Amino acid sequence: MDMTASGRDLSGDRHAESCTVIARHLAWIGDRWTLPVVVTLQAGPVRFNQLRRAVGGISQQMLTRTVRSLERDGVLTRTVHPSVPPQVEYALTPLGQSLAAQGMALGEWVHANLATFDANRAAFDARDLRA
């Protein structure tokens, strides 16, 4: 146990700091567009407009922000092919592949438990109405 001169335990501070870092990354992974983009790229490299069409509802600006963030974190690569006009292709890195696999597993868990969620929410809402 790490103690300060005043006898304060610092191990809890490191735990809180670690939780903050993890929470920040989970928020990034759980945002509206990260997993749809990553899971779409799991099938293989695609060009920007193909990716935009495959991830329904995302604007060009939001897709640009999302892929830049994912590239910055090493989740995907961006390759510019010399042509007129230039063609840009995105592909997952090994880190991105592992994130896609975890995203798919989480999606399968949610899908397997949808009926349970619905039943729990209905029971909770019915209980609130009686209170």
N, C-alpha and C. Protein backbone atom coordinates (compact mmCIF):
# COMPACT_ATOMS: atom_id res chain seq x y z
N MET A 1 0.85 -1.17 0.00
CA MET A 1 0.00 0.00 0.00
C MET A 1 0.89 1.24 0.00
N ASP A 2 0.62 2.19 -0.88
CA ASP A 2 1.39 3.43 -0.93
C ASP A 2 0.74 4.44 0.01
N MET A 3 1.57 5.01 0.89
CA MET A 3 1.07 5.98 1.85
C MET A 3 1.86 7.28 1.69
N THR A 4 1.18 8.40 1.88
CA THR A 4 1.86 9.68 1.90
C THR A 4 2.40 9.91 3.29
N ALA A 5 3.14 11.01 3.48
CA ALA A 5 3.67 11.35 4.80
C ALA A 5 2.54 11.55 5.81
N SER A 6 1.38 11.97 5.32
CA SER A 6 0.24 12.18 6.22
C SER A 6 -0.53 10.89 6.49
N GLY A 7 -0.08 9.79 5.88
CA GLY A 7 -0.75 8.51 6.11
C GLY A 7 -1.88 8.23 5.14
N ARG A 8 -2.03 9.05 4.13
CA ARG A 8 -3.11 8.88 3.15
C ARG A 8 -2.75 7.77 2.16
N ASP A 9 -3.68 6.87 1.92
CA ASP A 9 -3.48 5.76 0.99
C ASP A 9 -3.64 6.27 -0.44
N LEU A 10 -2.58 6.12 -1.26
CA LEU A 10 -2.61 6.62 -2.64
C LEU A 10 -3.09 5.58 -3.64
N SER A 11 -3.20 4.31 -3.25
CA SER A 11 -3.59 3.28 -4.21
C SER A 11 -5.00 3.56 -4.74
N GLY A 12 -5.88 4.13 -3.93
CA GLY A 12 -7.22 4.50 -4.39
C GLY A 12 -7.18 5.60 -5.43
N ASP A 13 -6.23 6.53 -5.31
CA ASP A 13 -6.08 7.61 -6.29
C ASP A 13 -5.69 7.04 -7.64
N ARG A 14 -4.77 6.05 -7.65
CA ARG A 14 -4.38 5.44 -8.91
C ARG A 14 -5.55 4.68 -9.52
N HIS A 15 -6.34 4.03 -8.68
CA HIS A 15 -7.52 3.31 -9.17
C HIS A 15 -8.52 4.28 -9.79
N ALA A 16 -8.76 5.39 -9.12
CA ALA A 16 -9.69 6.40 -9.64
C ALA A 16 -9.17 6.97 -10.96
N GLU A 17 -7.87 7.21 -11.03
CA GLU A 17 -7.28 7.73 -12.27
C GLU A 17 -7.43 6.71 -13.39
N SER A 18 -7.17 5.45 -13.09
CA SER A 18 -7.32 4.39 -14.08
C SER A 18 -8.76 4.30 -14.56
N CYS A 19 -9.70 4.39 -13.63
CA CYS A 19 -11.12 4.33 -14.00
C CYS A 19 -11.50 5.50 -14.90
N THR A 20 -10.94 6.66 -14.64
CA THR A 20 -11.23 7.83 -15.47
C THR A 20 -10.73 7.63 -16.89
N VAL A 21 -9.53 7.09 -17.02
CA VAL A 21 -8.97 6.83 -18.35
C VAL A 21 -9.81 5.79 -19.08
N ILE A 22 -10.17 4.72 -18.39
CA ILE A 22 -10.99 3.68 -19.00
C ILE A 22 -12.36 4.23 -19.39
N ALA A 23 -12.96 5.02 -18.54
CA ALA A 23 -14.28 5.60 -18.84
C ALA A 23 -14.21 6.49 -20.08
N ARG A 24 -13.13 7.25 -20.21
CA ARG A 24 -12.97 8.12 -21.38
C ARG A 24 -12.90 7.29 -22.66
N HIS A 25 -12.17 6.17 -22.62
CA HIS A 25 -12.07 5.32 -23.81
C HIS A 25 -13.38 4.59 -24.08
N LEU A 26 -14.06 4.16 -23.04
CA LEU A 26 -15.36 3.51 -23.25
C LEU A 26 -16.37 4.48 -23.86
N ALA A 27 -16.32 5.74 -23.45
CA ALA A 27 -17.21 6.74 -24.03
C ALA A 27 -16.91 6.92 -25.51
N TRP A 28 -15.64 6.91 -25.87
CA TRP A 28 -15.24 7.04 -27.28
C TRP A 28 -15.71 5.82 -28.07
N ILE A 29 -15.51 4.63 -27.52
CA ILE A 29 -15.93 3.41 -28.21
C ILE A 29 -17.45 3.36 -28.33
N GLY A 30 -18.13 3.83 -27.29
CA GLY A 30 -19.59 3.75 -27.26
C GLY A 30 -20.30 4.93 -27.89
N ASP A 31 -19.56 5.83 -28.54
CA ASP A 31 -20.26 6.94 -29.17
C ASP A 31 -21.11 6.41 -30.34
N ARG A 32 -21.84 7.27 -30.94
CA ARG A 32 -22.82 6.83 -31.94
C ARG A 32 -22.20 6.16 -33.17
N TRP A 33 -20.98 6.56 -33.55
CA TRP A 33 -20.45 6.13 -34.85
C TRP A 33 -19.24 5.21 -34.81
N THR A 34 -18.51 5.15 -33.72
CA THR A 34 -17.27 4.36 -33.70
C THR A 34 -17.51 2.90 -34.05
N LEU A 35 -18.36 2.21 -33.29
CA LEU A 35 -18.56 0.79 -33.57
C LEU A 35 -19.19 0.52 -34.93
N PRO A 36 -20.18 1.30 -35.38
CA PRO A 36 -20.68 1.03 -36.74
C PRO A 36 -19.60 1.14 -37.81
N VAL A 37 -18.70 2.12 -37.68
CA VAL A 37 -17.62 2.26 -38.66
C VAL A 37 -16.66 1.09 -38.55
N VAL A 38 -16.26 0.76 -37.33
CA VAL A 38 -15.29 -0.31 -37.14
C VAL A 38 -15.86 -1.65 -37.59
N VAL A 39 -17.09 -1.94 -37.23
CA VAL A 39 -17.69 -3.22 -37.61
C VAL A 39 -17.87 -3.29 -39.13
N THR A 40 -18.20 -2.18 -39.76
CA THR A 40 -18.32 -2.15 -41.22
C THR A 40 -16.99 -2.46 -41.88
N LEU A 41 -15.91 -1.93 -41.32
CA LEU A 41 -14.58 -2.16 -41.90
C LEU A 41 -14.06 -3.57 -41.63
N GLN A 42 -14.72 -4.31 -40.76
CA GLN A 42 -14.28 -5.67 -40.46
C GLN A 42 -14.29 -6.54 -41.71
N ALA A 43 -15.17 -6.25 -42.65
CA ALA A 43 -15.27 -7.04 -43.87
C ALA A 43 -14.10 -6.80 -44.82
N GLY A 44 -13.36 -5.73 -44.60
CA GLY A 44 -12.22 -5.43 -45.47
C GLY A 44 -12.17 -3.96 -45.82
N PRO A 45 -11.10 -3.54 -46.49
CA PRO A 45 -10.91 -2.14 -46.82
C PRO A 45 -12.03 -1.61 -47.72
N VAL A 46 -12.41 -0.36 -47.48
CA VAL A 46 -13.42 0.30 -48.32
C VAL A 46 -13.05 1.76 -48.52
N ARG A 47 -13.58 2.30 -49.59
CA ARG A 47 -13.38 3.72 -49.87
C ARG A 47 -14.36 4.55 -49.04
N PHE A 48 -14.05 5.83 -48.93
CA PHE A 48 -14.81 6.73 -48.06
C PHE A 48 -16.30 6.70 -48.36
N ASN A 49 -16.67 6.90 -49.62
CA ASN A 49 -18.10 6.96 -49.95
C ASN A 49 -18.80 5.61 -49.76
N GLN A 50 -18.08 4.52 -49.99
CA GLN A 50 -18.65 3.21 -49.71
C GLN A 50 -18.93 3.07 -48.21
N LEU A 51 -18.00 3.54 -47.41
CA LEU A 51 -18.16 3.48 -45.97
C LEU A 51 -19.33 4.34 -45.52
N ARG A 52 -19.45 5.52 -46.10
CA ARG A 52 -20.55 6.42 -45.74
C ARG A 52 -21.90 5.79 -46.08
N ARG A 53 -22.00 5.14 -47.24
CA ARG A 53 -23.26 4.48 -47.61
C ARG A 53 -23.55 3.29 -46.70
N ALA A 54 -22.51 2.56 -46.31
CA ALA A 54 -22.69 1.37 -45.48
C ALA A 54 -23.10 1.72 -44.05
N VAL A 55 -22.61 2.85 -43.56
CA VAL A 55 -22.97 3.30 -42.20
C VAL A 55 -24.12 4.29 -42.35
N GLY A 56 -25.31 3.78 -42.41
CA GLY A 56 -26.48 4.61 -42.67
C GLY A 56 -26.66 5.74 -41.69
N GLY A 57 -26.97 6.92 -42.22
CA GLY A 57 -27.31 8.06 -41.40
C GLY A 57 -26.14 8.94 -40.99
N ILE A 58 -24.92 8.56 -41.29
CA ILE A 58 -23.77 9.37 -40.90
C ILE A 58 -23.51 10.43 -41.96
N SER A 59 -23.24 11.64 -41.52
CA SER A 59 -22.93 12.72 -42.46
C SER A 59 -21.47 12.61 -42.90
N GLN A 60 -21.15 13.28 -43.99
CA GLN A 60 -19.78 13.28 -44.48
C GLN A 60 -18.85 13.88 -43.43
N GLN A 61 -19.29 14.96 -42.80
CA GLN A 61 -18.46 15.62 -41.79
C GLN A 61 -18.23 14.72 -40.58
N MET A 62 -19.26 14.04 -40.13
CA MET A 62 -19.11 13.17 -38.96
C MET A 62 -18.26 11.95 -39.30
N LEU A 63 -18.40 11.41 -40.50
CA LEU A 63 -17.56 10.29 -40.90
C LEU A 63 -16.10 10.72 -40.96
N THR A 64 -15.85 11.90 -41.48
CA THR A 64 -14.48 12.43 -41.53
C THR A 64 -13.90 12.53 -40.13
N ARG A 65 -14.67 13.09 -39.20
CA ARG A 65 -14.20 13.21 -37.81
C ARG A 65 -13.94 11.83 -37.20
N THR A 66 -14.85 10.91 -37.46
CA THR A 66 -14.73 9.58 -36.87
C THR A 66 -13.52 8.84 -37.39
N VAL A 67 -13.32 8.84 -38.71
CA VAL A 67 -12.17 8.10 -39.25
C VAL A 67 -10.86 8.77 -38.84
N ARG A 68 -10.83 10.07 -38.72
CA ARG A 68 -9.61 10.74 -38.27
C ARG A 68 -9.27 10.34 -36.83
N SER A 69 -10.29 10.29 -35.99
CA SER A 69 -10.08 9.88 -34.61
C SER A 69 -9.61 8.43 -34.54
N LEU A 70 -10.22 7.57 -35.34
CA LEU A 70 -9.83 6.16 -35.35
C LEU A 70 -8.42 5.97 -35.91
N GLU A 71 -8.07 6.78 -36.89
CA GLU A 71 -6.70 6.72 -37.44
C GLU A 71 -5.70 7.19 -36.39
N ARG A 72 -6.04 8.26 -35.70
CA ARG A 72 -5.16 8.80 -34.66
C ARG A 72 -4.88 7.78 -33.57
N ASP A 73 -5.90 7.00 -33.21
CA ASP A 73 -5.75 6.00 -32.16
C ASP A 73 -5.20 4.67 -32.66
N GLY A 74 -4.91 4.59 -33.96
CA GLY A 74 -4.31 3.38 -34.51
C GLY A 74 -5.29 2.26 -34.76
N VAL A 75 -6.56 2.59 -34.87
CA VAL A 75 -7.61 1.59 -35.10
C VAL A 75 -7.77 1.29 -36.59
N LEU A 76 -7.52 2.29 -37.41
CA LEU A 76 -7.62 2.08 -38.86
C LEU A 76 -6.49 2.81 -39.56
N THR A 77 -6.29 2.41 -40.80
CA THR A 77 -5.31 3.08 -41.65
C THR A 77 -6.04 3.76 -42.80
N ARG A 78 -5.45 4.83 -43.26
CA ARG A 78 -5.99 5.59 -44.39
C ARG A 78 -4.94 5.55 -45.48
N THR A 79 -5.33 5.04 -46.65
CA THR A 79 -4.42 4.94 -47.78
C THR A 79 -4.97 5.78 -48.92
N VAL A 80 -4.14 6.69 -49.43
CA VAL A 80 -4.52 7.52 -50.57
C VAL A 80 -3.88 6.91 -51.81
N HIS A 81 -4.73 6.51 -52.76
CA HIS A 81 -4.24 5.94 -54.02
C HIS A 81 -4.10 7.06 -55.04
N PRO A 82 -2.93 7.15 -55.69
CA PRO A 82 -2.71 8.24 -56.65
C PRO A 82 -3.54 8.04 -57.91
N SER A 83 -4.62 8.75 -57.98
CA SER A 83 -5.48 8.73 -59.16
C SER A 83 -6.14 10.09 -59.24
N VAL A 84 -6.89 10.32 -60.31
CA VAL A 84 -7.61 11.58 -60.46
C VAL A 84 -9.09 11.25 -60.54
N PRO A 85 -9.88 11.64 -59.56
CA PRO A 85 -9.48 12.23 -58.28
C PRO A 85 -8.85 11.17 -57.39
N PRO A 86 -8.13 11.58 -56.35
CA PRO A 86 -7.49 10.61 -55.46
C PRO A 86 -8.55 9.73 -54.79
N GLN A 87 -8.23 8.46 -54.68
CA GLN A 87 -9.12 7.53 -53.98
C GLN A 87 -8.53 7.25 -52.61
N VAL A 88 -9.37 7.37 -51.59
CA VAL A 88 -8.94 7.13 -50.22
C VAL A 88 -9.62 5.86 -49.73
N GLU A 89 -8.82 4.98 -49.16
CA GLU A 89 -9.33 3.70 -48.68
C GLU A 89 -9.00 3.55 -47.20
N TYR A 90 -9.94 2.99 -46.46
CA TYR A 90 -9.77 2.78 -45.02
C TYR A 90 -9.79 1.29 -44.73
N ALA A 91 -8.92 0.88 -43.80
CA ALA A 91 -8.84 -0.53 -43.40
C ALA A 91 -8.50 -0.59 -41.91
N LEU A 92 -8.95 -1.65 -41.27
CA LEU A 92 -8.66 -1.83 -39.85
C LEU A 92 -7.24 -2.33 -39.65
N THR A 93 -6.63 -1.87 -38.58
CA THR A 93 -5.36 -2.39 -38.12
C THR A 93 -5.66 -3.62 -37.24
N PRO A 94 -4.64 -4.33 -36.79
CA PRO A 94 -4.91 -5.42 -35.85
C PRO A 94 -5.67 -4.94 -34.59
N LEU A 95 -5.34 -3.75 -34.10
CA LEU A 95 -6.07 -3.19 -32.97
C LEU A 95 -7.54 -2.99 -33.33
N GLY A 96 -7.79 -2.49 -34.54
CA GLY A 96 -9.16 -2.29 -35.01
C GLY A 96 -9.91 -3.60 -35.17
N GLN A 97 -9.22 -4.62 -35.66
CA GLN A 97 -9.84 -5.94 -35.79
C GLN A 97 -10.27 -6.47 -34.42
N SER A 98 -9.42 -6.28 -33.41
CA SER A 98 -9.77 -6.75 -32.08
C SER A 98 -10.94 -5.96 -31.51
N LEU A 99 -11.00 -4.65 -31.78
CA LEU A 99 -12.14 -3.84 -31.35
C LEU A 99 -13.41 -4.29 -32.05
N ALA A 100 -13.33 -4.56 -33.34
CA ALA A 100 -14.50 -5.03 -34.09
C ALA A 100 -15.02 -6.34 -33.51
N ALA A 101 -14.12 -7.24 -33.17
CA ALA A 101 -14.53 -8.53 -32.60
C ALA A 101 -15.24 -8.32 -31.26
N GLN A 102 -14.71 -7.42 -30.44
CA GLN A 102 -15.36 -7.13 -29.15
C GLN A 102 -16.70 -6.44 -29.36
N GLY A 103 -16.78 -5.55 -30.33
CA GLY A 103 -18.05 -4.89 -30.64
C GLY A 103 -19.10 -5.87 -31.11
N MET A 104 -18.68 -6.81 -31.94
CA MET A 104 -19.61 -7.84 -32.41
C MET A 104 -20.09 -8.70 -31.24
N ALA A 105 -19.18 -9.08 -30.35
CA ALA A 105 -19.56 -9.89 -29.19
C ALA A 105 -20.53 -9.13 -28.29
N LEU A 106 -20.28 -7.85 -28.08
CA LEU A 106 -21.19 -7.04 -27.27
C LEU A 106 -22.56 -6.93 -27.95
N GLY A 107 -22.57 -6.74 -29.26
CA GLY A 107 -23.82 -6.69 -30.00
C GLY A 107 -24.60 -7.99 -29.91
N GLU A 108 -23.89 -9.10 -29.96
CA GLU A 108 -24.55 -10.41 -29.82
C GLU A 108 -25.14 -10.57 -28.43
N TRP A 109 -24.43 -10.10 -27.40
CA TRP A 109 -24.94 -10.17 -26.03
C TRP A 109 -26.21 -9.34 -25.89
N VAL A 110 -26.20 -8.12 -26.44
CA VAL A 110 -27.39 -7.27 -26.38
C VAL A 110 -28.54 -7.96 -27.09
N HIS A 111 -28.30 -8.47 -28.28
CA HIS A 111 -29.35 -9.13 -29.06
C HIS A 111 -29.93 -10.32 -28.29
N ALA A 112 -29.07 -11.10 -27.66
CA ALA A 112 -29.53 -12.28 -26.91
C ALA A 112 -30.36 -11.90 -25.69
N ASN A 113 -30.20 -10.68 -25.20
CA ASN A 113 -30.88 -10.26 -23.97
C ASN A 113 -31.97 -9.22 -24.19
N LEU A 114 -32.34 -8.94 -25.43
CA LEU A 114 -33.36 -7.92 -25.71
C LEU A 114 -34.68 -8.22 -25.01
N ALA A 115 -35.14 -9.45 -25.07
CA ALA A 115 -36.42 -9.80 -24.43
C ALA A 115 -36.34 -9.60 -22.92
N THR A 116 -35.20 -9.94 -22.33
CA THR A 116 -35.03 -9.75 -20.88
C THR A 116 -35.06 -8.27 -20.53
N PHE A 117 -34.36 -7.46 -21.33
CA PHE A 117 -34.39 -6.01 -21.09
C PHE A 117 -35.82 -5.48 -21.15
N ASP A 118 -36.55 -5.88 -22.19
CA ASP A 118 -37.93 -5.41 -22.35
C ASP A 118 -38.79 -5.82 -21.16
N ALA A 119 -38.67 -7.07 -20.72
CA ALA A 119 -39.46 -7.54 -19.59
C ALA A 119 -39.08 -6.79 -18.31
N ASN A 120 -37.80 -6.59 -18.08
CA ASN A 120 -37.37 -5.85 -16.89
C ASN A 120 -37.87 -4.41 -16.90
N ARG A 121 -37.82 -3.77 -18.05
CA ARG A 121 -38.30 -2.39 -18.15
C ARG A 121 -39.80 -2.31 -17.92
N ALA A 122 -40.54 -3.26 -18.49
CA ALA A 122 -41.99 -3.27 -18.29
C ALA A 122 -42.33 -3.50 -16.82
N ALA A 123 -41.62 -4.41 -16.14
CA ALA A 123 -41.87 -4.64 -14.72
C ALA A 123 -41.52 -3.41 -13.90
N PHE A 124 -40.43 -2.77 -14.22
CA PHE A 124 -40.02 -1.56 -13.50
C PHE A 124 -41.05 -0.45 -13.70
N ASP A 125 -41.45 -0.23 -14.95
CA ASP A 125 -42.42 0.83 -15.23
C ASP A 125 -43.76 0.56 -14.55
N ALA A 126 -44.19 -0.71 -14.50
CA ALA A 126 -45.43 -1.05 -13.83
C ALA A 126 -45.31 -0.80 -12.33
N ARG A 127 -44.16 -1.08 -11.77
CA ARG A 127 -43.92 -0.82 -10.34
C ARG A 127 -43.96 0.67 -10.05
N ASP A 128 -43.38 1.48 -10.93
CA ASP A 128 -43.39 2.93 -10.73
C ASP A 128 -44.80 3.50 -10.78
N LEU A 129 -45.66 2.93 -11.61
CA LEU A 129 -47.02 3.43 -11.71
C LEU A 129 -47.81 3.17 -10.43
N ARG A 130 -47.48 2.10 -9.72
CA ARG A 130 -48.19 1.77 -8.49
C ARG A 130 -47.69 2.60 -7.31
N ALA A 131 -46.49 3.11 -7.40
CA ALA A 131 -45.90 3.84 -6.26
C ALA A 131 -46.49 5.22 -6.08
